[in-house]
Amino acid sequence: MAMYFAGVNMDIDEILSNNFPLTVRKRAQLIASHSAATAKFFNRLIQTVIATMISGEGVLGSTKAYYGTVESSNRGSLHLHMLIWLDHEYAPADEKQMIKDKEFRKNLIEYLEDIIKEDLDQFQTKLSPACLLTPNPSAPNFDDLLKKDAVRLVQEGNIHKHTDTCWKYSKSDECQTCRMRMPRKIIKQSNINVDTGVIEMRRNHPWINNFNEWLMTAIRCNMDIKYIWSASDAKALVYYITDYVTKSSLSFYDTYALMLKGLKSIENSDIRTTDVQERLRRLVLRCYNTIASQQELSGPQVASYLMGWPDHYTNEKF
């Protein structure tokens, strides 16, 4: 679809894995040079998934609100961080009491196992995964097609492989901990700790990241999904979001270099003043303006702003 928006003459309904119009390298070059087409595809994809799979009665159950923020990766592609509120009136304190009831724990585990997967046990089939379009829900063998599609997508994009970024918060080479918490321990059966409220989902694979098969087959890329219900989880979420939205896109050493540039421009300025407070004010303002003018924006980000497409998706008014 992104290639179609970029102007490639093609019939989307007739594309097969061995009949793509361009080579992998040509497709990558095409997308890299068509920022508006990439942004248009992303916006169309997110709006369609929200309307058909999340709003109201969707694949996660009944939802009453959502808020998703668009971000650009280092290589320029757009992705979404979304918080979804389920349609119920339970407060964390209520649920902490309710998990003491055996029937409630059973129902909660069944729900979570339905919307969050941590292995491929339910998707293994005799069919070998292949590069196909999103399975057609009206096909007579849709269940098999969905399983095959989920296996291929998870194997290609949702199985963790260590990279240098895994260790960037480790304090020493001797004691390295993957910041993605991989590998994760095998859990034979889902369970809820009545005393702590900790939920452990069944997991039969140490390297697979959480996914929902319906959303994954629609967005066709890697994903993560987590159920947040305890007060401690909610506090951790608030901290994570606050830390995330305030992080700088510039590295520490780039920031210092720009501050030095601002300092030198103040020193070389013709405007002289003996007022220390005024000099400090000008220094802070000059440093801020210098850093703010050097923020990195990807092509799809700029195209989205120019075309008036949103930088967040929500069903609420603020």
C-alpha atoms as a PDB file:
ATOM      1  CA  MET A   1       0.000   0.000   0.000  1.00  0.00           C
ATOM      2  CA  ALA A   2       2.885   2.363   0.733  1.00  0.00           C
ATOM      3  CA  MET A   3       4.313   1.649  -2.734  1.00  0.00           C
ATOM      4  CA  TYR A   4       0.869   2.253  -4.224  1.00  0.00           C
ATOM      5  CA  PHE A   5       0.702   5.669  -2.517  1.00  0.00           C
ATOM      6  CA  ALA A   6       4.231   6.348  -3.843  1.00  0.00           C
ATOM      7  CA  GLY A   7       2.928   6.010  -7.398  1.00  0.00           C
ATOM      8  CA  VAL A   8       3.991   2.472  -8.361  1.00  0.00           C
ATOM      9  CA  ASN A   9       1.679   1.062 -11.018  1.00  0.00           C
ATOM     10  CA  MET A  10       0.345  -2.081  -9.341  1.00  0.00           C
ATOM     11  CA  ASP A  11      -2.783  -4.065  -8.530  1.00  0.00           C
ATOM     12  CA  ILE A  12      -2.797  -4.569  -4.757  1.00  0.00           C
ATOM     13  CA  ASP A  13      -5.298  -7.451  -4.962  1.00  0.00           C
ATOM     14  CA  GLU A  14      -3.056  -9.434  -7.294  1.00  0.00           C
ATOM     15  CA  ILE A  15       0.252  -9.155  -5.421  1.00  0.00           C
ATOM     16  CA  LEU A  16       1.847 -12.426  -4.389  1.00  0.00           C
ATOM     17  CA  SER A  17       5.079 -12.975  -2.486  1.00  0.00           C
ATOM     18  CA  ASN A  18       6.948 -13.911  -5.673  1.00  0.00           C
ATOM     19  CA  ASN A  19       5.408 -11.173  -7.773  1.00  0.00           C
ATOM     20  CA  PHE A  20       6.377  -7.947  -6.008  1.00  0.00           C
ATOM     21  CA  PRO A  21       6.849  -5.115  -8.511  1.00  0.00           C
ATOM     22  CA  LEU A  22      10.369  -4.166  -7.342  1.00  0.00           C
ATOM     23  CA  THR A  23      13.397  -5.722  -5.660  1.00  0.00           C
ATOM     24  CA  VAL A  24      13.840  -5.359  -1.884  1.00  0.00           C
ATOM     25  CA  ARG A  25      16.517  -2.681  -2.403  1.00  0.00           C
ATOM     26  CA  LYS A  26      14.359  -0.725  -4.870  1.00  0.00           C
ATOM     27  CA  ARG A  27      11.376  -0.868  -2.501  1.00  0.00           C
ATOM     28  CA  ALA A  28      13.512   0.448   0.374  1.00  0.00           C
ATOM     29  CA  GLN A  29      14.846   3.277  -1.806  1.00  0.00           C
ATOM     30  CA  LEU A  30      11.328   4.127  -2.966  1.00  0.00           C
ATOM     31  CA  ILE A  31       9.956   4.386   0.571  1.00  0.00           C
ATOM     32  CA  ALA A  32      12.987   6.369   1.787  1.00  0.00           C
ATOM     33  CA  SER A  33      12.474   8.937  -0.986  1.00  0.00           C
ATOM     34  CA  HIS A  34       8.664   9.269  -0.624  1.00  0.00           C
ATOM     35  CA  SER A  35       8.080  10.638   2.866  1.00  0.00           C
ATOM     36  CA  ALA A  36       4.515  11.762   2.155  1.00  0.00           C
ATOM     37  CA  ALA A  37       3.517   8.312   0.855  1.00  0.00           C
ATOM     38  CA  THR A  38       5.016   6.672   3.949  1.00  0.00           C
ATOM     39  CA  ALA A  39       3.176   9.063   6.267  1.00  0.00           C
ATOM     40  CA  LYS A  40      -0.086   8.618   4.346  1.00  0.00           C
ATOM     41  CA  PHE A  41       0.195   4.833   4.629  1.00  0.00           C
ATOM     42  CA  PHE A  42       0.865   5.025   8.377  1.00  0.00           C
ATOM     43  CA  ASN A  43      -2.094   7.359   8.979  1.00  0.00           C
ATOM     44  CA  ARG A  44      -4.443   5.192   6.889  1.00  0.00           C
ATOM     45  CA  LEU A  45      -3.276   2.030   8.661  1.00  0.00           C
ATOM     46  CA  ILE A  46      -3.690   3.400  12.204  1.00  0.00           C
ATOM     47  CA  GLN A  47      -7.100   4.963  11.539  1.00  0.00           C
ATOM     48  CA  THR A  48      -8.360   1.705   9.984  1.00  0.00           C
ATOM     49  CA  VAL A  49      -7.067  -0.487  12.835  1.00  0.00           C
ATOM     50  CA  ILE A  50      -8.589   1.835  15.458  1.00  0.00           C
ATOM     51  CA  ALA A  51     -11.966   1.957  13.696  1.00  0.00           C
ATOM     52  CA  THR A  52     -12.260  -1.778  13.012  1.00  0.00           C
ATOM     53  CA  MET A  53     -10.337  -3.490  15.833  1.00  0.00           C
ATOM     54  CA  ILE A  54     -10.102  -1.217  18.882  1.00  0.00           C
ATOM     55  CA  SER A  55     -13.040   1.225  19.168  1.00  0.00           C
ATOM     56  CA  GLY A  56     -16.149  -0.003  20.965  1.00  0.00           C
ATOM     57  CA  GLU A  57     -16.362  -3.796  20.849  1.00  0.00           C
ATOM     58  CA  GLY A  58     -12.988  -4.800  19.410  1.00  0.00           C
ATOM     59  CA  VAL A  59     -10.421  -7.589  19.573  1.00  0.00           C
ATOM     60  CA  LEU A  60      -9.468  -6.526  23.116  1.00  0.00           C
ATOM     61  CA  GLY A  61     -13.075  -6.519  24.318  1.00  0.00           C
ATOM     62  CA  SER A  62     -15.172  -3.465  25.121  1.00  0.00           C
ATOM     63  CA  THR A  63     -13.105  -0.262  25.265  1.00  0.00           C
ATOM     64  CA  LYS A  64     -14.135   3.236  26.296  1.00  0.00           C
ATOM     65  CA  ALA A  65     -11.082   5.369  25.512  1.00  0.00           C
ATOM     66  CA  TYR A  66      -7.671   5.348  23.862  1.00  0.00           C
ATOM     67  CA  TYR A  67      -4.749   7.735  23.395  1.00  0.00           C
ATOM     68  CA  GLY A  68      -1.895   6.946  21.022  1.00  0.00           C
ATOM     69  CA  THR A  69       1.173   9.098  20.378  1.00  0.00           C
ATOM     70  CA  VAL A  70       3.134   8.987  17.114  1.00  0.00           C
ATOM     71  CA  GLU A  71       6.915   8.826  17.263  1.00  0.00           C
ATOM     72  CA  SER A  72       9.674   8.617  14.668  1.00  0.00           C
ATOM     73  CA  SER A  73      12.460   6.041  14.965  1.00  0.00           C
ATOM     74  CA  ASN A  74      16.131   6.790  14.264  1.00  0.00           C
ATOM     75  CA  ARG A  75      15.719   5.641  10.674  1.00  0.00           C
ATOM     76  CA  GLY A  76      12.658   7.860  10.164  1.00  0.00           C
ATOM     77  CA  SER A  77       9.768   5.381  10.209  1.00  0.00           C
ATOM     78  CA  LEU A  78       6.666   6.262  12.239  1.00  0.00           C
ATOM     79  CA  HIS A  79       5.268   4.097  15.040  1.00  0.00           C
ATOM     80  CA  LEU A  80       2.649   4.375  17.769  1.00  0.00           C
ATOM     81  CA  HIS A  81       2.563   4.120  21.575  1.00  0.00           C
ATOM     82  CA  MET A  82      -1.076   3.649  22.628  1.00  0.00           C
ATOM     83  CA  LEU A  83      -2.850   3.418  25.986  1.00  0.00           C
ATOM     84  CA  ILE A  84      -6.311   1.797  25.870  1.00  0.00           C
ATOM     85  CA  TRP A  85      -8.898   1.968  28.658  1.00  0.00           C
ATOM     86  CA  LEU A  86     -11.174  -1.081  29.002  1.00  0.00           C
ATOM     87  CA  ASP A  87     -14.870  -0.402  29.598  1.00  0.00           C
ATOM     88  CA  HIS A  88     -15.343  -1.322  33.262  1.00  0.00           C
ATOM     89  CA  GLU A  89     -15.641   0.588  36.510  1.00  0.00           C
ATOM     90  CA  TYR A  90     -13.211  -1.386  38.702  1.00  0.00           C
ATOM     91  CA  ALA A  91     -10.553   0.572  40.566  1.00  0.00           C
ATOM     92  CA  PRO A  92      -7.197  -1.101  41.336  1.00  0.00           C
ATOM     93  CA  ALA A  93      -8.243  -1.485  44.972  1.00  0.00           C
ATOM     94  CA  ASP A  94     -11.454  -3.271  43.876  1.00  0.00           C
ATOM     95  CA  GLU A  95      -9.578  -5.696  41.650  1.00  0.00           C
ATOM     96  CA  LYS A  96      -7.051  -6.441  44.385  1.00  0.00           C
ATOM     97  CA  GLN A  97      -9.953  -7.690  46.490  1.00  0.00           C
ATOM     98  CA  MET A  98     -11.662  -9.488  43.604  1.00  0.00           C
ATOM     99  CA  ILE A  99      -8.627 -11.631  42.742  1.00  0.00           C
ATOM    100  CA  LYS A 100      -9.151 -13.425  46.035  1.00  0.00           C
ATOM    101  CA  ASP A 101     -12.180 -15.021  44.378  1.00  0.00           C
ATOM    102  CA  LYS A 102     -11.195 -18.179  42.486  1.00  0.00           C
ATOM    103  CA  GLU A 103     -13.822 -17.734  39.750  1.00  0.00           C
ATOM    104  CA  PHE A 104     -12.713 -14.141  39.089  1.00  0.00           C
ATOM    105  CA  ARG A 105      -9.069 -15.233  38.774  1.00  0.00           C
ATOM    106  CA  LYS A 106     -10.097 -17.967  36.330  1.00  0.00           C
ATOM    107  CA  ASN A 107     -12.082 -15.531  34.165  1.00  0.00           C
ATOM    108  CA  LEU A 108      -9.328 -12.894  34.228  1.00  0.00           C
ATOM    109  CA  ILE A 109      -6.689 -15.419  33.144  1.00  0.00           C
ATOM    110  CA  GLU A 110      -8.937 -16.666  30.309  1.00  0.00           C
ATOM    111  CA  TYR A 111      -9.405 -13.081  29.115  1.00  0.00           C
ATOM    112  CA  LEU A 112      -5.701 -12.247  29.266  1.00  0.00           C
ATOM    113  CA  GLU A 113      -4.692 -15.463  27.495  1.00  0.00           C
ATOM    114  CA  ASP A 114      -7.163 -14.552  24.763  1.00  0.00           C
ATOM    115  CA  ILE A 115      -5.790 -11.042  24.113  1.00  0.00           C
ATOM    116  CA  ILE A 116      -2.075 -11.457  24.966  1.00  0.00           C
ATOM    117  CA  LYS A 117       0.156 -14.226  23.576  1.00  0.00           C
ATOM    118  CA  GLU A 118       3.709 -14.951  24.716  1.00  0.00           C
ATOM    119  CA  ASP A 119       4.432 -18.027  22.591  1.00  0.00           C
ATOM    120  CA  LEU A 120       3.287 -19.731  19.365  1.00  0.00           C
ATOM    121  CA  ASP A 121       1.720 -22.871  20.827  1.00  0.00           C
ATOM    122  CA  GLN A 122      -1.767 -22.012  19.556  1.00  0.00           C
ATOM    123  CA  PHE A 123      -0.558 -21.087  16.076  1.00  0.00           C
ATOM    124  CA  GLN A 124       1.630 -23.988  14.959  1.00  0.00           C
ATOM    125  CA  THR A 125       0.231 -25.676  11.857  1.00  0.00           C
ATOM    126  CA  LYS A 126       1.519 -28.022   9.205  1.00  0.00           C
ATOM    127  CA  LEU A 127       1.531 -25.154   6.717  1.00  0.00           C
ATOM    128  CA  SER A 128       4.879 -23.409   6.238  1.00  0.00           C
ATOM    129  CA  PRO A 129       4.784 -19.623   6.840  1.00  0.00           C
ATOM    130  CA  ALA A 130       4.813 -17.548   3.657  1.00  0.00           C
ATOM    131  CA  CYS A 131       4.773 -13.870   2.742  1.00  0.00           C
ATOM    132  CA  LEU A 132       1.064 -13.256   2.175  1.00  0.00           C
ATOM    133  CA  LEU A 133      -1.320 -10.335   2.431  1.00  0.00           C
ATOM    134  CA  THR A 134      -3.498  -9.971   5.503  1.00  0.00           C
ATOM    135  CA  PRO A 135      -5.777 -13.079   5.522  1.00  0.00           C
ATOM    136  CA  ASN A 136      -9.296 -12.517   4.224  1.00  0.00           C
ATOM    137  CA  PRO A 137     -11.780 -13.065   7.108  1.00  0.00           C
ATOM    138  CA  SER A 138     -14.401 -14.391   4.665  1.00  0.00           C
ATOM    139  CA  ALA A 139     -12.100 -17.184   3.417  1.00  0.00           C
ATOM    140  CA  PRO A 140     -13.333 -20.686   4.360  1.00  0.00           C
ATOM    141  CA  ASN A 141      -9.932 -21.606   5.855  1.00  0.00           C
ATOM    142  CA  PHE A 142      -9.419 -18.256   7.613  1.00  0.00           C
ATOM    143  CA  ASP A 143      -8.426 -19.831  10.958  1.00  0.00           C
ATOM    144  CA  ASP A 144      -5.538 -21.727   9.344  1.00  0.00           C
ATOM    145  CA  LEU A 145      -4.507 -18.654   7.332  1.00  0.00           C
ATOM    146  CA  LEU A 146      -4.479 -16.501  10.477  1.00  0.00           C
ATOM    147  CA  LYS A 147      -2.315 -19.013  12.371  1.00  0.00           C
ATOM    148  CA  LYS A 148       0.143 -19.288   9.506  1.00  0.00           C
ATOM    149  CA  ASP A 149       0.302 -15.504   9.183  1.00  0.00           C
ATOM    150  CA  ALA A 150       0.864 -15.023  12.934  1.00  0.00           C
ATOM    151  CA  VAL A 151       3.718 -17.555  12.937  1.00  0.00           C
ATOM    152  CA  ARG A 152       5.482 -15.801  10.057  1.00  0.00           C
ATOM    153  CA  LEU A 153       5.082 -12.321  11.553  1.00  0.00           C
ATOM    154  CA  VAL A 154       6.257 -13.372  15.024  1.00  0.00           C
ATOM    155  CA  GLN A 155       9.228 -15.292  13.670  1.00  0.00           C
ATOM    156  CA  GLU A 156      10.275 -12.337  11.507  1.00  0.00           C
ATOM    157  CA  GLY A 157       9.721  -9.454  13.920  1.00  0.00           C
ATOM    158  CA  ASN A 158       8.681 -10.403  17.464  1.00  0.00           C
ATOM    159  CA  ILE A 159      11.464 -12.767  18.549  1.00  0.00           C
ATOM    160  CA  HIS A 160      14.104 -10.827  20.455  1.00  0.00           C
ATOM    161  CA  LYS A 161      17.737 -10.847  19.358  1.00  0.00           C
ATOM    162  CA  HIS A 162      20.318  -9.076  21.517  1.00  0.00           C
ATOM    163  CA  THR A 163      21.898  -5.907  20.094  1.00  0.00           C
ATOM    164  CA  ASP A 164      24.151  -3.223  21.586  1.00  0.00           C
ATOM    165  CA  THR A 165      21.105  -1.225  22.727  1.00  0.00           C
ATOM    166  CA  CYS A 166      20.160  -4.080  25.072  1.00  0.00           C
ATOM    167  CA  TRP A 167      23.085  -3.216  27.342  1.00  0.00           C
ATOM    168  CA  LYS A 168      23.110   0.590  27.165  1.00  0.00           C
ATOM    169  CA  TYR A 169      21.922   0.915  30.785  1.00  0.00           C
ATOM    170  CA  SER A 170      24.277  -1.768  32.159  1.00  0.00           C
ATOM    171  CA  LYS A 171      26.847  -0.326  34.538  1.00  0.00           C
ATOM    172  CA  SER A 172      29.615  -2.824  33.809  1.00  0.00           C
ATOM    173  CA  ASP A 173      30.609  -5.482  31.289  1.00  0.00           C
ATOM    174  CA  GLU A 174      30.614  -8.139  34.010  1.00  0.00           C
ATOM    175  CA  CYS A 175      27.007  -7.507  35.100  1.00  0.00           C
ATOM    176  CA  GLN A 176      24.997  -6.987  31.929  1.00  0.00           C
ATOM    177  CA  THR A 177      21.200  -7.110  32.008  1.00  0.00           C
ATOM    178  CA  CYS A 178      19.108  -6.826  28.863  1.00  0.00           C
ATOM    179  CA  ARG A 179      16.829  -3.805  29.235  1.00  0.00           C
ATOM    180  CA  MET A 180      14.111  -5.742  27.369  1.00  0.00           C
ATOM    181  CA  ARG A 181      14.213  -8.334  30.189  1.00  0.00           C
ATOM    182  CA  MET A 182      15.156 -11.085  27.748  1.00  0.00           C
ATOM    183  CA  PRO A 183      15.299 -14.029  27.940  1.00  0.00           C
ATOM    184  CA  ARG A 184      12.184 -14.468  30.071  1.00  0.00           C
ATOM    185  CA  LYS A 185      11.439 -17.461  32.248  1.00  0.00           C
ATOM    186  CA  ILE A 186       9.232 -20.307  31.050  1.00  0.00           C
ATOM    187  CA  ILE A 187       5.843 -20.420  32.812  1.00  0.00           C
ATOM    188  CA  LYS A 188       3.793 -23.582  32.270  1.00  0.00           C
ATOM    189  CA  GLN A 189       0.476 -22.172  33.483  1.00  0.00           C
ATOM    190  CA  SER A 190      -0.900 -18.651  33.899  1.00  0.00           C
ATOM    191  CA  ASN A 191      -1.422 -17.639  37.510  1.00  0.00           C
ATOM    192  CA  ILE A 192      -2.263 -14.674  39.745  1.00  0.00           C
ATOM    193  CA  ASN A 193      -0.548 -14.106  43.071  1.00  0.00           C
ATOM    194  CA  VAL A 194      -3.386 -13.310  45.479  1.00  0.00           C
ATOM    195  CA  ASP A 195      -1.092 -11.514  47.956  1.00  0.00           C
ATOM    196  CA  THR A 196       0.864  -9.291  45.535  1.00  0.00           C
ATOM    197  CA  GLY A 197      -1.533  -9.119  42.587  1.00  0.00           C
ATOM    198  CA  VAL A 198       1.271 -10.073  40.183  1.00  0.00           C
ATOM    199  CA  ILE A 199      -0.013 -11.785  37.031  1.00  0.00           C
ATOM    200  CA  GLU A 200       2.241 -14.335  35.311  1.00  0.00           C
ATOM    201  CA  MET A 201       1.115 -15.324  31.824  1.00  0.00           C
ATOM    202  CA  ARG A 202       1.764 -18.763  30.388  1.00  0.00           C
ATOM    203  CA  ARG A 203       4.968 -18.659  28.361  1.00  0.00           C
ATOM    204  CA  ASN A 204       6.576 -21.486  26.427  1.00  0.00           C
ATOM    205  CA  HIS A 205       9.237 -19.447  24.596  1.00  0.00           C
ATOM    206  CA  PRO A 206      11.915 -17.321  26.341  1.00  0.00           C
ATOM    207  CA  TRP A 207      12.517 -14.859  23.479  1.00  0.00           C
ATOM    208  CA  ILE A 208       9.048 -13.991  22.090  1.00  0.00           C
ATOM    209  CA  ASN A 209       7.692 -10.541  22.927  1.00  0.00           C
ATOM    210  CA  ASN A 210       3.993 -10.187  23.840  1.00  0.00           C
ATOM    211  CA  PHE A 211       1.582  -9.887  20.907  1.00  0.00           C
ATOM    212  CA  ASN A 212      -2.082 -10.030  19.894  1.00  0.00           C
ATOM    213  CA  GLU A 213      -2.578 -12.044  16.724  1.00  0.00           C
ATOM    214  CA  TRP A 214      -5.485  -9.923  15.396  1.00  0.00           C
ATOM    215  CA  LEU A 215      -3.655  -6.615  15.748  1.00  0.00           C
ATOM    216  CA  MET A 216      -0.383  -8.076  14.498  1.00  0.00           C
ATOM    217  CA  THR A 217      -1.869  -9.479  11.310  1.00  0.00           C
ATOM    218  CA  ALA A 218      -3.400  -6.047  10.645  1.00  0.00           C
ATOM    219  CA  ILE A 219      -0.376  -3.828  11.349  1.00  0.00           C
ATOM    220  CA  ARG A 220       2.099  -6.411   9.932  1.00  0.00           C
ATOM    221  CA  CYS A 221       5.062  -5.419  12.092  1.00  0.00           C
ATOM    222  CA  ASN A 222       6.515  -6.018  15.551  1.00  0.00           C
ATOM    223  CA  MET A 223       4.393  -5.071  18.562  1.00  0.00           C
ATOM    224  CA  ASP A 224       4.112  -5.276  22.348  1.00  0.00           C
ATOM    225  CA  ILE A 225       1.031  -5.416  24.592  1.00  0.00           C
ATOM    226  CA  LYS A 226       0.663  -5.318  28.385  1.00  0.00           C
ATOM    227  CA  TYR A 227      -2.311  -5.451  30.748  1.00  0.00           C
ATOM    228  CA  ILE A 228      -2.106  -2.685  33.384  1.00  0.00           C
ATOM    229  CA  TRP A 229      -4.432  -3.141  36.341  1.00  0.00           C
ATOM    230  CA  SER A 230      -2.601  -2.707  39.646  1.00  0.00           C
ATOM    231  CA  ALA A 231      -1.781   0.611  41.304  1.00  0.00           C
ATOM    232  CA  SER A 232       1.957  -0.110  41.109  1.00  0.00           C
ATOM    233  CA  ASP A 233       1.656  -0.828  37.362  1.00  0.00           C
ATOM    234  CA  ALA A 234      -0.230   2.448  36.894  1.00  0.00           C
ATOM    235  CA  LYS A 235       2.457   4.391  38.782  1.00  0.00           C
ATOM    236  CA  ALA A 236       5.182   2.757  36.696  1.00  0.00           C
ATOM    237  CA  LEU A 237       3.244   3.693  33.546  1.00  0.00           C
ATOM    238  CA  VAL A 238       2.990   7.355  34.579  1.00  0.00           C
ATOM    239  CA  TYR A 239       6.741   7.430  35.243  1.00  0.00           C
ATOM    240  CA  TYR A 240       7.490   5.726  31.906  1.00  0.00           C
ATOM    241  CA  ILE A 241       5.303   8.097  29.877  1.00  0.00           C
ATOM    242  CA  THR A 242       6.681  11.189  31.627  1.00  0.00           C
ATOM    243  CA  ASP A 243      10.254  10.020  31.108  1.00  0.00           C
ATOM    244  CA  TYR A 244       9.530   9.123  27.474  1.00  0.00           C
ATOM    245  CA  VAL A 245       7.878  12.372  26.368  1.00  0.00           C
ATOM    246  CA  THR A 246      10.585  14.508  27.947  1.00  0.00           C
ATOM    247  CA  LYS A 247      13.590  12.697  26.501  1.00  0.00           C
ATOM    248  CA  SER A 248      15.785  14.665  24.112  1.00  0.00           C
ATOM    249  CA  SER A 249      16.348  13.553  20.545  1.00  0.00           C
ATOM    250  CA  LEU A 250      19.901  14.890  20.762  1.00  0.00           C
ATOM    251  CA  SER A 251      22.762  12.990  22.365  1.00  0.00           C
ATOM    252  CA  PHE A 252      24.472  14.339  25.471  1.00  0.00           C
ATOM    253  CA  TYR A 253      27.660  15.316  23.647  1.00  0.00           C
ATOM    254  CA  ASP A 254      25.704  17.031  20.844  1.00  0.00           C
ATOM    255  CA  THR A 255      23.803  19.040  23.459  1.00  0.00           C
ATOM    256  CA  TYR A 256      27.023  20.157  25.161  1.00  0.00           C
ATOM    257  CA  ALA A 257      28.559  21.150  21.822  1.00  0.00           C
ATOM    258  CA  LEU A 258      25.512  23.289  21.022  1.00  0.00           C
ATOM    259  CA  MET A 259      25.595  24.885  24.483  1.00  0.00           C
ATOM    260  CA  LEU A 260      29.254  25.778  23.931  1.00  0.00           C
ATOM    261  CA  LYS A 261      28.267  27.326  20.612  1.00  0.00           C
ATOM    262  CA  GLY A 262      25.635  29.433  22.416  1.00  0.00           C
ATOM    263  CA  LEU A 263      28.137  30.469  25.077  1.00  0.00           C
ATOM    264  CA  LYS A 264      30.674  31.619  22.473  1.00  0.00           C
ATOM    265  CA  SER A 265      28.036  33.590  20.595  1.00  0.00           C
ATOM    266  CA  ILE A 266      27.198  35.442  23.825  1.00  0.00           C
ATOM    267  CA  GLU A 267      30.905  36.153  24.485  1.00  0.00           C
ATOM    268  CA  ASN A 268      31.384  37.489  20.956  1.00  0.00           C
ATOM    269  CA  SER A 269      28.218  39.568  21.057  1.00  0.00           C
ATOM    270  CA  ASP A 270      28.454  43.346  20.749  1.00  0.00           C
ATOM    271  CA  ILE A 271      25.853  43.767  23.482  1.00  0.00           C
ATOM    272  CA  ARG A 272      27.627  44.190  26.825  1.00  0.00           C
ATOM    273  CA  THR A 273      26.016  44.368  30.242  1.00  0.00           C
ATOM    274  CA  THR A 274      27.339  44.207  33.801  1.00  0.00           C
ATOM    275  CA  ASP A 275      24.028  42.876  35.133  1.00  0.00           C
ATOM    276  CA  VAL A 276      24.835  39.244  36.044  1.00  0.00           C
ATOM    277  CA  GLN A 277      21.185  38.179  36.099  1.00  0.00           C
ATOM    278  CA  GLU A 278      20.597  39.627  32.636  1.00  0.00           C
ATOM    279  CA  ARG A 279      23.736  37.890  31.286  1.00  0.00           C
ATOM    280  CA  LEU A 280      22.550  34.556  32.701  1.00  0.00           C
ATOM    281  CA  ARG A 281      19.091  35.078  31.231  1.00  0.00           C
ATOM    282  CA  ARG A 282      20.574  35.726  27.793  1.00  0.00           C
ATOM    283  CA  LEU A 283      22.867  32.715  28.104  1.00  0.00           C
ATOM    284  CA  VAL A 284      20.015  30.350  28.976  1.00  0.00           C
ATOM    285  CA  LEU A 285      17.828  31.789  26.213  1.00  0.00           C
ATOM    286  CA  ARG A 286      20.625  31.549  23.623  1.00  0.00           C
ATOM    287  CA  CYS A 287      21.435  27.938  24.614  1.00  0.00           C
ATOM    288  CA  TYR A 288      17.763  26.981  24.461  1.00  0.00           C
ATOM    289  CA  ASN A 289      17.262  28.566  21.039  1.00  0.00           C
ATOM    290  CA  THR A 290      20.427  26.917  19.715  1.00  0.00           C
ATOM    291  CA  ILE A 291      19.373  23.456  20.920  1.00  0.00           C
ATOM    292  CA  ALA A 292      15.723  23.867  19.868  1.00  0.00           C
ATOM    293  CA  SER A 293      16.767  24.836  16.332  1.00  0.00           C
ATOM    294  CA  GLN A 294      18.834  21.638  15.981  1.00  0.00           C
ATOM    295  CA  GLN A 295      16.134  19.030  16.732  1.00  0.00           C
ATOM    296  CA  GLU A 296      16.015  16.125  14.277  1.00  0.00           C
ATOM    297  CA  LEU A 297      12.778  15.486  12.334  1.00  0.00           C
ATOM    298  CA  SER A 298      12.320  12.619   9.898  1.00  0.00           C
ATOM    299  CA  GLY A 299      10.829  13.055   6.426  1.00  0.00           C
ATOM    300  CA  PRO A 300       7.560  11.238   7.306  1.00  0.00           C
ATOM    301  CA  GLN A 301       7.177  13.437  10.419  1.00  0.00           C
ATOM    302  CA  VAL A 302       7.507  16.611   8.367  1.00  0.00           C
ATOM    303  CA  ALA A 303       5.168  15.250   5.682  1.00  0.00           C
ATOM    304  CA  SER A 304       2.550  14.378   8.329  1.00  0.00           C
ATOM    305  CA  TYR A 305       2.635  17.917   9.738  1.00  0.00           C
ATOM    306  CA  LEU A 306       2.424  19.497   6.267  1.00  0.00           C
ATOM    307  CA  MET A 307      -0.518  17.265   5.258  1.00  0.00           C
ATOM    308  CA  GLY A 308      -2.358  17.925   8.514  1.00  0.00           C
ATOM    309  CA  TRP A 309      -2.304  14.310   9.689  1.00  0.00           C
ATOM    310  CA  PRO A 310      -2.390  13.854  13.479  1.00  0.00           C
ATOM    311  CA  ASP A 311       0.608  13.316  15.757  1.00  0.00           C
ATOM    312  CA  HIS A 312      -1.726  11.511  18.174  1.00  0.00           C
ATOM    313  CA  TYR A 313      -4.914   9.460  17.951  1.00  0.00           C
ATOM    314  CA  THR A 314      -7.686   9.601  20.558  1.00  0.00           C
ATOM    315  CA  ASN A 315     -11.457   9.431  20.894  1.00  0.00           C
ATOM    316  CA  GLU A 316     -11.504  12.071  23.636  1.00  0.00           C
ATOM    317  CA  LYS A 317     -11.597  15.879  23.570  1.00  0.00           C
ATOM    318  CA  PHE A 318      -9.108  17.860  25.673  1.00  0.00           C
END
